[in-house]
Structure formats: structure tokens, C-alpha cells
Amino acid sequence: MLSRIRVRDRDFKISSWSKNNPKTCVAVAIKPNGVAVRNSNDSTKNTVFFTNDEWSAFVKGVKNNEFGV
């Protein structure tokens, strides 16, 4: 996992699913050197950083229903 990716507040996009479910919001900033994810309800909380490979594996897992959500 990356420790730092330079991101600004305007870089984050809110999930379309989260817009209809305000209690479970996530914001994602996709940058050339990795991906940053944070709680869109409270941007002061920790931001989690992923490499592009980690993010790709996560997206693939979601598409393949690997998480049982």
C-alpha cells in the first residue's frame, strides 16, 4: 500500500451509490501513481492509499462478487 499520493480535495469523486446512501459514503481519487480512498462524510479522517495494481485487484474482485456484499 502506498503511504503518500498527492491529492487535493477536488481530486476526490463520490460514488454514485453513495449519493443515494449518505450514511455509507466513499470518495475516491484516481491518480497516475495510485488511488486514494476516504470517507466522504468526514474528509478529516484517514485517507487510505493503494497502488494501481492493488486497486485493479479490488475492482476485479468487486466485479466477480468475491466479497459477498
PDB file of N, CA and C in Angstrom:
ATOM      1  N   MET A   1       0.837  -1.179   0.000  1.00  0.00           N
ATOM      2  CA  MET A   1       0.000   0.000   0.000  1.00  0.00           C
ATOM      3  C   MET A   1       0.884   1.246   0.000  1.00  0.00           C
ATOM      4  N   LEU A   2       0.503   2.238  -0.757  1.00  0.00           N
ATOM      5  CA  LEU A   2       1.274   3.482  -0.828  1.00  0.00           C
ATOM      6  C   LEU A   2       1.059   4.307   0.431  1.00  0.00           C
ATOM      7  N   SER A   3       2.079   4.980   0.859  1.00  0.00           N
ATOM      8  CA  SER A   3       1.930   5.838   2.026  1.00  0.00           C
ATOM      9  C   SER A   3       1.527   7.254   1.637  1.00  0.00           C
ATOM     10  N   ARG A   4       1.852   7.665   0.428  1.00  0.00           N
ATOM     11  CA  ARG A   4       1.531   9.033   0.014  1.00  0.00           C
ATOM     12  C   ARG A   4       1.230   9.103  -1.477  1.00  0.00           C
ATOM     13  N   ILE A   5       0.159   9.773  -1.790  1.00  0.00           N
ATOM     14  CA  ILE A   5      -0.174  10.175  -3.149  1.00  0.00           C
ATOM     15  C   ILE A   5      -0.605  11.625  -3.000  1.00  0.00           C
ATOM     16  N   ARG A   6      -0.109  12.492  -3.824  1.00  0.00           N
ATOM     17  CA  ARG A   6      -0.501  13.897  -3.720  1.00  0.00           C
ATOM     18  C   ARG A   6      -1.919  14.054  -4.260  1.00  0.00           C
ATOM     19  N   VAL A   7      -2.859  14.350  -3.351  1.00  0.00           N
ATOM     20  CA  VAL A   7      -4.252  14.542  -3.740  1.00  0.00           C
ATOM     21  C   VAL A   7      -4.792  15.816  -3.095  1.00  0.00           C
ATOM     22  N   ARG A   8      -5.696  16.438  -3.790  1.00  0.00           N
ATOM     23  CA  ARG A   8      -6.390  17.615  -3.278  1.00  0.00           C
ATOM     24  C   ARG A   8      -7.855  17.251  -3.105  1.00  0.00           C
ATOM     25  N   ASP A   9      -8.574  18.024  -2.327  1.00  0.00           N
ATOM     26  CA  ASP A   9      -9.995  17.754  -2.117  1.00  0.00           C
ATOM     27  C   ASP A   9     -10.749  17.647  -3.437  1.00  0.00           C
ATOM     28  N   ARG A  10     -10.400  18.483  -4.397  1.00  0.00           N
ATOM     29  CA  ARG A  10     -11.121  18.472  -5.672  1.00  0.00           C
ATOM     30  C   ARG A  10     -10.819  17.232  -6.515  1.00  0.00           C
ATOM     31  N   ASP A  11      -9.783  16.469  -6.151  1.00  0.00           N
ATOM     32  CA  ASP A  11      -9.449  15.245  -6.879  1.00  0.00           C
ATOM     33  C   ASP A  11     -10.408  14.099  -6.556  1.00  0.00           C
ATOM     34  N   PHE A  12     -11.061  14.166  -5.406  1.00  0.00           N
ATOM     35  CA  PHE A  12     -11.928  13.083  -4.961  1.00  0.00           C
ATOM     36  C   PHE A  12     -13.286  13.137  -5.647  1.00  0.00           C
ATOM     37  N   LYS A  13     -13.750  11.965  -6.044  1.00  0.00           N
ATOM     38  CA  LYS A  13     -15.084  11.809  -6.624  1.00  0.00           C
ATOM     39  C   LYS A  13     -15.892  10.919  -5.687  1.00  0.00           C
ATOM     40  N   ILE A  14     -17.162  11.258  -5.502  1.00  0.00           N
ATOM     41  CA  ILE A  14     -18.040  10.480  -4.627  1.00  0.00           C
ATOM     42  C   ILE A  14     -18.757   9.421  -5.456  1.00  0.00           C
ATOM     43  N   SER A  15     -18.815   8.231  -4.921  1.00  0.00           N
ATOM     44  CA  SER A  15     -19.502   7.130  -5.580  1.00  0.00           C
ATOM     45  C   SER A  15     -20.955   7.489  -5.858  1.00  0.00           C
ATOM     46  N   SER A  16     -21.441   7.128  -7.036  1.00  0.00           N
ATOM     47  CA  SER A  16     -22.851   7.389  -7.359  1.00  0.00           C
ATOM     48  C   SER A  16     -23.765   6.627  -6.406  1.00  0.00           C
ATOM     49  N   TRP A  17     -23.341   5.461  -5.943  1.00  0.00           N
ATOM     50  CA  TRP A  17     -24.136   4.706  -4.969  1.00  0.00           C
ATOM     51  C   TRP A  17     -24.203   5.473  -3.657  1.00  0.00           C
ATOM     52  N   SER A  18     -23.114   6.092  -3.263  1.00  0.00           N
ATOM     53  CA  SER A  18     -23.060   6.831  -2.008  1.00  0.00           C
ATOM     54  C   SER A  18     -23.960   8.061  -2.020  1.00  0.00           C
ATOM     55  N   LYS A  19     -24.154   8.651  -3.189  1.00  0.00           N
ATOM     56  CA  LYS A  19     -25.014   9.838  -3.263  1.00  0.00           C
ATOM     57  C   LYS A  19     -26.440   9.522  -2.836  1.00  0.00           C
ATOM     58  N   ASN A  20     -26.868   8.276  -3.044  1.00  0.00           N
ATOM     59  CA  ASN A  20     -28.207   7.859  -2.648  1.00  0.00           C
ATOM     60  C   ASN A  20     -28.232   7.190  -1.285  1.00  0.00           C
ATOM     61  N   ASN A  21     -27.080   6.976  -0.689  1.00  0.00           N
ATOM     62  CA  ASN A  21     -26.948   6.330   0.621  1.00  0.00           C
ATOM     63  C   ASN A  21     -25.967   7.127   1.462  1.00  0.00           C
ATOM     64  N   PRO A  22     -26.375   8.296   1.951  1.00  0.00           N
ATOM     65  CA  PRO A  22     -25.436   9.229   2.582  1.00  0.00           C
ATOM     66  C   PRO A  22     -24.729   8.719   3.826  1.00  0.00           C
ATOM     67  N   LYS A  23     -25.231   7.674   4.467  1.00  0.00           N
ATOM     68  CA  LYS A  23     -24.558   7.157   5.664  1.00  0.00           C
ATOM     69  C   LYS A  23     -23.385   6.257   5.314  1.00  0.00           C
ATOM     70  N   THR A  24     -23.285   5.828   4.074  1.00  0.00           N
ATOM     71  CA  THR A  24     -22.206   4.932   3.659  1.00  0.00           C
ATOM     72  C   THR A  24     -21.488   5.522   2.454  1.00  0.00           C
ATOM     73  N   CYS A  25     -20.819   6.627   2.675  1.00  0.00           N
ATOM     74  CA  CYS A  25     -20.184   7.352   1.559  1.00  0.00           C
ATOM     75  C   CYS A  25     -18.701   7.064   1.458  1.00  0.00           C
ATOM     76  N   VAL A  26     -18.257   6.966   0.220  1.00  0.00           N
ATOM     77  CA  VAL A  26     -16.844   6.791  -0.051  1.00  0.00           C
ATOM     78  C   VAL A  26     -16.459   7.758  -1.165  1.00  0.00           C
ATOM     79  N   ALA A  27     -15.262   8.317  -1.048  1.00  0.00           N
ATOM     80  CA  ALA A  27     -14.733   9.205  -2.077  1.00  0.00           C
ATOM     81  C   ALA A  27     -13.417   8.618  -2.557  1.00  0.00           C
ATOM     82  N   VAL A  28     -13.198   8.654  -3.860  1.00  0.00           N
ATOM     83  CA  VAL A  28     -12.015   8.039  -4.461  1.00  0.00           C
ATOM     84  C   VAL A  28     -11.311   9.052  -5.351  1.00  0.00           C
ATOM     85  N   ALA A  29      -9.994   9.088  -5.242  1.00  0.00           N
ATOM     86  CA  ALA A  29      -9.172   9.927  -6.131  1.00  0.00           C
ATOM     87  C   ALA A  29      -8.220   9.006  -6.882  1.00  0.00           C
ATOM     88  N   ILE A  30      -8.442   8.875  -8.188  1.00  0.00           N
ATOM     89  CA  ILE A  30      -7.581   8.030  -9.012  1.00  0.00           C
ATOM     90  C   ILE A  30      -6.521   8.924  -9.643  1.00  0.00           C
ATOM     91  N   LYS A  31      -5.277   8.630  -9.313  1.00  0.00           N
ATOM     92  CA  LYS A  31      -4.137   9.416  -9.770  1.00  0.00           C
ATOM     93  C   LYS A  31      -3.203   8.506 -10.571  1.00  0.00           C
ATOM     94  N   PRO A  32      -2.295   9.061 -11.351  1.00  0.00           N
ATOM     95  CA  PRO A  32      -1.388   8.224 -12.151  1.00  0.00           C
ATOM     96  C   PRO A  32      -0.551   7.248 -11.321  1.00  0.00           C
ATOM     97  N   ASN A  33      -0.191   7.628 -10.106  1.00  0.00           N
ATOM     98  CA  ASN A  33       0.673   6.780  -9.289  1.00  0.00           C
ATOM     99  C   ASN A  33      -0.057   6.008  -8.202  1.00  0.00           C
ATOM    100  N   GLY A  34      -1.385   5.970  -8.226  1.00  0.00           N
ATOM    101  CA  GLY A  34      -2.137   5.204  -7.240  1.00  0.00           C
ATOM    102  C   GLY A  34      -3.524   5.772  -6.999  1.00  0.00           C
ATOM    103  N   VAL A  35      -4.196   5.211  -5.996  1.00  0.00           N
ATOM    104  CA  VAL A  35      -5.577   5.568  -5.701  1.00  0.00           C
ATOM    105  C   VAL A  35      -5.707   5.900  -4.217  1.00  0.00           C
ATOM    106  N   ALA A  36      -6.417   6.983  -3.926  1.00  0.00           N
ATOM    107  CA  ALA A  36      -6.691   7.379  -2.549  1.00  0.00           C
ATOM    108  C   ALA A  36      -8.183   7.213  -2.288  1.00  0.00           C
ATOM    109  N   VAL A  37      -8.521   6.694  -1.099  1.00  0.00           N
ATOM    110  CA  VAL A  37      -9.917   6.459  -0.731  1.00  0.00           C
ATOM    111  C   VAL A  37     -10.141   7.062   0.655  1.00  0.00           C
ATOM    112  N   ARG A  38     -11.275   7.733   0.826  1.00  0.00           N
ATOM    113  CA  ARG A  38     -11.590   8.314   2.137  1.00  0.00           C
ATOM    114  C   ARG A  38     -13.098   8.345   2.353  1.00  0.00           C
ATOM    115  N   ASN A  39     -13.481   8.599   3.591  1.00  0.00           N
ATOM    116  CA  ASN A  39     -14.871   8.759   3.977  1.00  0.00           C
ATOM    117  C   ASN A  39     -15.330  10.127   3.502  1.00  0.00           C
ATOM    118  N   SER A  40     -16.341  10.168   2.645  1.00  0.00           N
ATOM    119  CA  SER A  40     -16.780  11.463   2.121  1.00  0.00           C
ATOM    120  C   SER A  40     -17.605  12.259   3.113  1.00  0.00           C
ATOM    121  N   ASN A  41     -18.073  11.610   4.183  1.00  0.00           N
ATOM    122  CA  ASN A  41     -18.797  12.339   5.221  1.00  0.00           C
ATOM    123  C   ASN A  41     -17.864  13.114   6.134  1.00  0.00           C
ATOM    124  N   ASP A  42     -16.615  12.704   6.230  1.00  0.00           N
ATOM    125  CA  ASP A  42     -15.655  13.358   7.115  1.00  0.00           C
ATOM    126  C   ASP A  42     -14.264  13.292   6.488  1.00  0.00           C
ATOM    127  N   SER A  43     -13.927  14.299   5.707  1.00  0.00           N
ATOM    128  CA  SER A  43     -12.646  14.307   4.994  1.00  0.00           C
ATOM    129  C   SER A  43     -11.447  14.462   5.924  1.00  0.00           C
ATOM    130  N   THR A  44     -11.670  14.725   7.219  1.00  0.00           N
ATOM    131  CA  THR A  44     -10.561  14.844   8.162  1.00  0.00           C
ATOM    132  C   THR A  44     -10.087  13.483   8.657  1.00  0.00           C
ATOM    133  N   LYS A  45     -10.879  12.440   8.419  1.00  0.00           N
ATOM    134  CA  LYS A  45     -10.466  11.097   8.821  1.00  0.00           C
ATOM    135  C   LYS A  45      -9.372  10.598   7.891  1.00  0.00           C
ATOM    136  N   ASN A  46      -8.742   9.509   8.272  1.00  0.00           N
ATOM    137  CA  ASN A  46      -7.623   8.962   7.497  1.00  0.00           C
ATOM    138  C   ASN A  46      -8.011   8.650   6.060  1.00  0.00           C
ATOM    139  N   THR A  47      -7.089   8.899   5.175  1.00  0.00           N
ATOM    140  CA  THR A  47      -7.207   8.508   3.773  1.00  0.00           C
ATOM    141  C   THR A  47      -6.349   7.270   3.578  1.00  0.00           C
ATOM    142  N   VAL A  48      -6.873   6.298   2.842  1.00  0.00           N
ATOM    143  CA  VAL A  48      -6.172   5.053   2.581  1.00  0.00           C
ATOM    144  C   VAL A  48      -5.649   5.110   1.146  1.00  0.00           C
ATOM    145  N   PHE A  49      -4.402   4.686   0.957  1.00  0.00           N
ATOM    146  CA  PHE A  49      -3.752   4.752  -0.350  1.00  0.00           C
ATOM    147  C   PHE A  49      -3.451   3.358  -0.879  1.00  0.00           C
ATOM    148  N   PHE A  50      -3.687   3.164  -2.181  1.00  0.00           N
ATOM    149  CA  PHE A  50      -3.444   1.880  -2.830  1.00  0.00           C
ATOM    150  C   PHE A  50      -2.618   2.079  -4.093  1.00  0.00           C
ATOM    151  N   THR A  51      -1.817   1.068  -4.421  1.00  0.00           N
ATOM    152  CA  THR A  51      -1.123   1.091  -5.702  1.00  0.00           C
ATOM    153  C   THR A  51      -2.157   0.831  -6.795  1.00  0.00           C
ATOM    154  N   ASN A  52      -1.791   1.095  -8.027  1.00  0.00           N
ATOM    155  CA  ASN A  52      -2.706   0.810  -9.133  1.00  0.00           C
ATOM    156  C   ASN A  52      -3.013  -0.681  -9.232  1.00  0.00           C
ATOM    157  N   ASP A  53      -2.026  -1.535  -8.962  1.00  0.00           N
ATOM    158  CA  ASP A  53      -2.251  -2.982  -9.001  1.00  0.00           C
ATOM    159  C   ASP A  53      -3.214  -3.421  -7.900  1.00  0.00           C
ATOM    160  N   GLU A  54      -3.066  -2.874  -6.702  1.00  0.00           N
ATOM    161  CA  GLU A  54      -3.984  -3.205  -5.609  1.00  0.00           C
ATOM    162  C   GLU A  54      -5.409  -2.774  -5.952  1.00  0.00           C
ATOM    163  N   TRP A  55      -5.541  -1.580  -6.497  1.00  0.00           N
ATOM    164  CA  TRP A  55      -6.866  -1.079  -6.853  1.00  0.00           C
ATOM    165  C   TRP A  55      -7.494  -1.928  -7.959  1.00  0.00           C
ATOM    166  N   SER A  56      -6.711  -2.296  -8.949  1.00  0.00           N
ATOM    167  CA  SER A  56      -7.219  -3.141 -10.034  1.00  0.00           C
ATOM    168  C   SER A  56      -7.702  -4.488  -9.507  1.00  0.00           C
ATOM    169  N   ALA A  57      -6.960  -5.076  -8.574  1.00  0.00           N
ATOM    170  CA  ALA A  57      -7.363  -6.344  -7.971  1.00  0.00           C
ATOM    171  C   ALA A  57      -8.669  -6.182  -7.195  1.00  0.00           C
ATOM    172  N   PHE A  58      -8.820  -5.080  -6.478  1.00  0.00           N
ATOM    173  CA  PHE A  58     -10.058  -4.808  -5.732  1.00  0.00           C
ATOM    174  C   PHE A  58     -11.243  -4.678  -6.688  1.00  0.00           C
ATOM    175  N   VAL A  59     -11.089  -3.880  -7.734  1.00  0.00           N
ATOM    176  CA  VAL A  59     -12.174  -3.680  -8.709  1.00  0.00           C
ATOM    177  C   VAL A  59     -12.548  -5.012  -9.358  1.00  0.00           C
ATOM    178  N   LYS A  60     -11.556  -5.805  -9.711  1.00  0.00           N
ATOM    179  CA  LYS A  60     -11.821  -7.126 -10.292  1.00  0.00           C
ATOM    180  C   LYS A  60     -12.604  -7.994  -9.316  1.00  0.00           C
ATOM    181  N   GLY A  61     -12.221  -7.959  -8.050  1.00  0.00           N
ATOM    182  CA  GLY A  61     -12.929  -8.725  -7.026  1.00  0.00           C
ATOM    183  C   GLY A  61     -14.381  -8.296  -6.881  1.00  0.00           C
ATOM    184  N   VAL A  62     -14.619  -6.986  -6.925  1.00  0.00           N
ATOM    185  CA  VAL A  62     -15.992  -6.482  -6.838  1.00  0.00           C
ATOM    186  C   VAL A  62     -16.801  -6.986  -8.025  1.00  0.00           C
ATOM    187  N   LYS A  63     -16.244  -6.881  -9.218  1.00  0.00           N
ATOM    188  CA  LYS A  63     -16.956  -7.318 -10.423  1.00  0.00           C
ATOM    189  C   LYS A  63     -17.236  -8.815 -10.420  1.00  0.00           C
ATOM    190  N   ASN A  64     -16.380  -9.594  -9.737  1.00  0.00           N
ATOM    191  CA  ASN A  64     -16.560 -11.043  -9.673  1.00  0.00           C
ATOM    192  C   ASN A  64     -17.308 -11.492  -8.425  1.00  0.00           C
ATOM    193  N   ASN A  65     -17.900 -10.532  -7.689  1.00  0.00           N
ATOM    194  CA  ASN A  65     -18.682 -10.839  -6.468  1.00  0.00           C
ATOM    195  C   ASN A  65     -17.890 -11.629  -5.438  1.00  0.00           C
ATOM    196  N   GLU A  66     -16.625 -11.313  -5.279  1.00  0.00           N
ATOM    197  CA  GLU A  66     -15.771 -12.028  -4.334  1.00  0.00           C
ATOM    198  C   GLU A  66     -15.962 -11.608  -2.879  1.00  0.00           C
ATOM    199  N   PHE A  67     -16.697 -10.540  -2.645  1.00  0.00           N
ATOM    200  CA  PHE A  67     -16.789 -10.009  -1.286  1.00  0.00           C
ATOM    201  C   PHE A  67     -18.099 -10.318  -0.582  1.00  0.00           C
ATOM    202  N   GLY A  68     -19.015 -10.976  -1.247  1.00  0.00           N
ATOM    203  CA  GLY A  68     -20.265 -11.392  -0.619  1.00  0.00           C
ATOM    204  C   GLY A  68     -21.096 -10.267  -0.047  1.00  0.00           C
ATOM    205  N   VAL A  69     -21.088  -9.138  -0.691  1.00  0.00           N
ATOM    206  CA  VAL A  69     -21.861  -7.996  -0.202  1.00  0.00           C
ATOM    207  C   VAL A  69     -23.263  -8.062  -0.769  1.00  0.00           C
TER     208      VAL A  69
END
